[in-house]
Amino acid sequence: MGFKFGLETVLKHRKRLEEIAQREFGEAQAAVEACLRELESMYNRMDEVRAEILDAQKVGSREKMEEVRGMEGFIDGQKIRIERQRLEARRLLSVAEEKQEALIEAAREKKILVKLKDKRLREYKEWLGRVEAKELDDMTMIRQARRAK
């Protein structure tokens, strides 16, 4: 007769829920990181264009001034795109925080069942030890009774 935890199926289900929450949190974090990399790339491109504008202004020719106007238009558009990307990054961060909270809750619920299982196993082992000790005592008593005859 071995130990059997009555809530083993519930524990397995909670473990699966924790694994799902872990995967979803990982995906949310990856999305945030990708969004932030894109945002950094946008800022870098804007810095490059600003440097190109400075170079073009040093030349001062009519053609370069047309290029400068076009580049300034790009910068204006880039500012709008950056703001949108920042809003998306905030949204993704919020989603990642929600996924992290879900993961923490799933881990907590699983941990409760793991502790209960450990407690029940410990109780079972204690009970089994008492039963075995009683059987040994009974066997000793029987031997002593036979010797006494």
Protein backbone atom coordinates (compact mmCIF):
# COMPACT_ATOMS: atom_id res chain seq x y z
CA MET A 1 0.00 0.00 0.00
CA GLY A 2 1.78 3.14 -1.24
CA PHE A 3 1.12 6.81 -0.82
CA LYS A 4 -1.50 8.28 -3.13
CA PHE A 5 -2.23 12.01 -3.15
CA GLY A 6 -5.94 12.52 -3.73
CA LEU A 7 -5.46 15.88 -5.43
CA GLU A 8 -2.76 14.75 -7.87
CA THR A 9 -4.89 15.58 -10.93
CA VAL A 10 -5.55 19.07 -9.55
CA LEU A 11 -1.82 19.49 -8.91
CA LYS A 12 -1.00 18.43 -12.47
CA HIS A 13 -3.59 20.89 -13.78
CA ARG A 14 -2.08 23.70 -11.69
CA LYS A 15 1.38 22.82 -13.01
CA ARG A 16 0.06 23.07 -16.58
CA LEU A 17 -1.54 26.42 -15.80
CA GLU A 18 1.76 27.66 -14.39
CA GLU A 19 3.62 26.49 -17.51
CA ILE A 20 1.10 28.28 -19.73
CA ALA A 21 1.41 31.45 -17.63
CA GLN A 22 5.21 31.19 -17.84
CA ARG A 23 5.08 30.87 -21.63
CA GLU A 24 2.64 33.79 -21.98
CA PHE A 25 4.79 35.97 -19.74
CA GLY A 26 7.88 35.10 -21.78
CA GLU A 27 6.07 35.99 -25.00
CA ALA A 28 4.88 39.29 -23.51
CA GLN A 29 8.40 40.14 -22.40
CA ALA A 30 9.76 39.31 -25.85
CA ALA A 31 7.15 41.61 -27.41
CA VAL A 32 8.17 44.45 -25.08
CA GLU A 33 11.85 43.95 -25.89
CA ALA A 34 11.17 43.91 -29.64
CA CYS A 35 9.10 47.08 -29.36
CA LEU A 36 11.84 48.83 -27.37
CA ARG A 37 14.49 47.75 -29.89
CA GLU A 38 12.33 49.21 -32.68
CA LEU A 39 11.92 52.43 -30.70
CA GLU A 40 15.68 52.67 -30.20
CA SER A 41 16.17 52.09 -33.93
CA MET A 42 13.75 54.93 -34.69
CA TYR A 43 15.64 57.29 -32.38
CA ASN A 44 18.95 56.27 -33.96
CA ARG A 45 17.61 56.94 -37.46
CA MET A 46 16.36 60.36 -36.37
CA ASP A 47 19.82 61.16 -34.97
CA GLU A 48 21.41 60.06 -38.26
CA VAL A 49 19.08 62.33 -40.24
CA ARG A 50 19.85 65.26 -37.93
CA ALA A 51 23.56 64.70 -38.58
CA GLU A 52 22.84 64.63 -42.33
CA ILE A 53 20.94 67.93 -42.00
CA LEU A 54 23.93 69.53 -40.26
CA ASP A 55 26.24 68.32 -43.03
CA ALA A 56 23.86 69.61 -45.73
CA GLN A 57 23.52 73.00 -44.03
CA LYS A 58 27.29 73.39 -44.02
CA VAL A 59 27.31 73.06 -47.81
CA GLY A 60 24.49 75.58 -48.14
CA SER A 61 23.59 74.94 -51.80
CA ARG A 62 20.03 75.25 -53.10
CA GLU A 63 19.79 71.50 -53.78
CA LYS A 64 20.98 70.69 -50.28
CA MET A 65 18.39 73.05 -48.80
CA GLU A 66 15.65 71.08 -50.61
CA GLU A 67 17.12 67.90 -49.12
CA VAL A 68 17.13 69.54 -45.69
CA ARG A 69 13.41 70.37 -46.00
CA GLY A 70 12.69 66.78 -46.96
CA MET A 71 14.74 65.50 -44.04
CA GLU A 72 12.97 67.87 -41.65
CA GLY A 73 9.68 66.48 -42.93
CA PHE A 74 11.02 62.99 -42.19
CA ILE A 75 11.95 64.06 -38.65
CA ASP A 76 8.45 65.48 -38.08
CA GLY A 77 6.93 62.22 -39.27
CA GLN A 78 9.43 60.22 -37.24
CA LYS A 79 8.43 62.08 -34.07
CA ILE A 80 4.82 60.99 -34.66
CA ARG A 81 5.89 57.39 -35.33
CA ILE A 82 8.06 57.42 -32.21
CA GLU A 83 5.17 58.65 -30.08
CA ARG A 84 2.97 55.85 -31.43
CA GLN A 85 5.73 53.33 -30.73
CA ARG A 86 6.09 54.67 -27.19
CA LEU A 87 2.34 54.22 -26.63
CA GLU A 88 2.60 50.67 -27.97
CA ALA A 89 5.55 50.00 -25.64
CA ARG A 90 3.51 51.22 -22.66
CA ARG A 91 0.61 49.00 -23.68
CA LEU A 92 2.90 45.99 -24.07
CA LEU A 93 4.51 46.70 -20.69
CA SER A 94 1.06 46.73 -19.12
CA VAL A 95 0.23 43.40 -20.76
CA ALA A 96 3.55 41.95 -19.55
CA GLU A 97 2.80 43.10 -16.00
CA GLU A 98 -0.61 41.41 -16.14
CA LYS A 99 0.99 38.21 -17.43
CA GLN A 100 3.59 38.38 -14.66
CA GLU A 101 0.86 38.76 -12.03
CA ALA A 102 -0.97 35.78 -13.54
CA LEU A 103 2.25 33.76 -13.40
CA ILE A 104 2.84 34.69 -9.76
CA GLU A 105 -0.72 33.67 -8.88
CA ALA A 106 -0.43 30.37 -10.79
CA ALA A 107 2.86 29.60 -9.03
CA ARG A 108 1.31 30.44 -5.66
CA GLU A 109 -1.67 28.13 -6.28
CA LYS A 110 0.63 25.30 -7.35
CA LYS A 111 2.88 25.83 -4.35
CA ILE A 112 -0.09 25.48 -2.00
CA LEU A 113 -0.88 22.06 -3.42
CA VAL A 114 2.78 21.00 -3.41
CA LYS A 115 3.00 21.90 0.29
CA LEU A 116 -0.22 19.99 0.97
CA LYS A 117 1.14 16.97 -0.89
CA ASP A 118 4.39 17.12 1.09
CA LYS A 119 2.44 17.40 4.35
CA ARG A 120 0.23 14.43 3.46
CA LEU A 121 3.28 12.39 2.45
CA ARG A 122 4.99 13.21 5.74
CA GLU A 123 1.82 12.24 7.65
CA TYR A 124 1.62 9.00 5.67
CA LYS A 125 5.23 8.14 6.48
CA GLU A 126 4.64 8.88 10.17
CA TRP A 127 1.52 6.69 10.15
CA LEU A 128 3.39 3.94 8.33
CA GLY A 129 6.20 4.14 10.89
CA ARG A 130 3.70 3.78 13.74
CA VAL A 131 2.03 0.79 12.04
CA GLU A 132 5.37 -0.92 11.46
CA ALA A 133 6.46 -0.24 15.05
CA LYS A 134 3.18 -1.70 16.34
CA GLU A 135 3.65 -4.81 14.18
CA LEU A 136 7.19 -5.23 15.50
CA ASP A 137 5.92 -4.83 19.07
CA ASP A 138 3.20 -7.41 18.42
CA MET A 139 5.73 -9.84 16.94
CA THR A 140 8.03 -9.32 19.92
CA MET A 141 5.17 -9.95 22.34
CA ILE A 142 4.23 -13.15 20.50
CA ARG A 143 7.86 -14.41 20.62
CA GLN A 144 8.14 -13.61 24.30
CA ALA A 145 4.85 -15.37 24.98
CA ARG A 146 6.07 -18.50 23.15
CA ARG A 147 9.35 -18.50 25.03
CA ALA A 148 7.53 -18.15 28.32
CA LYS A 149 5.56 -21.37 27.66
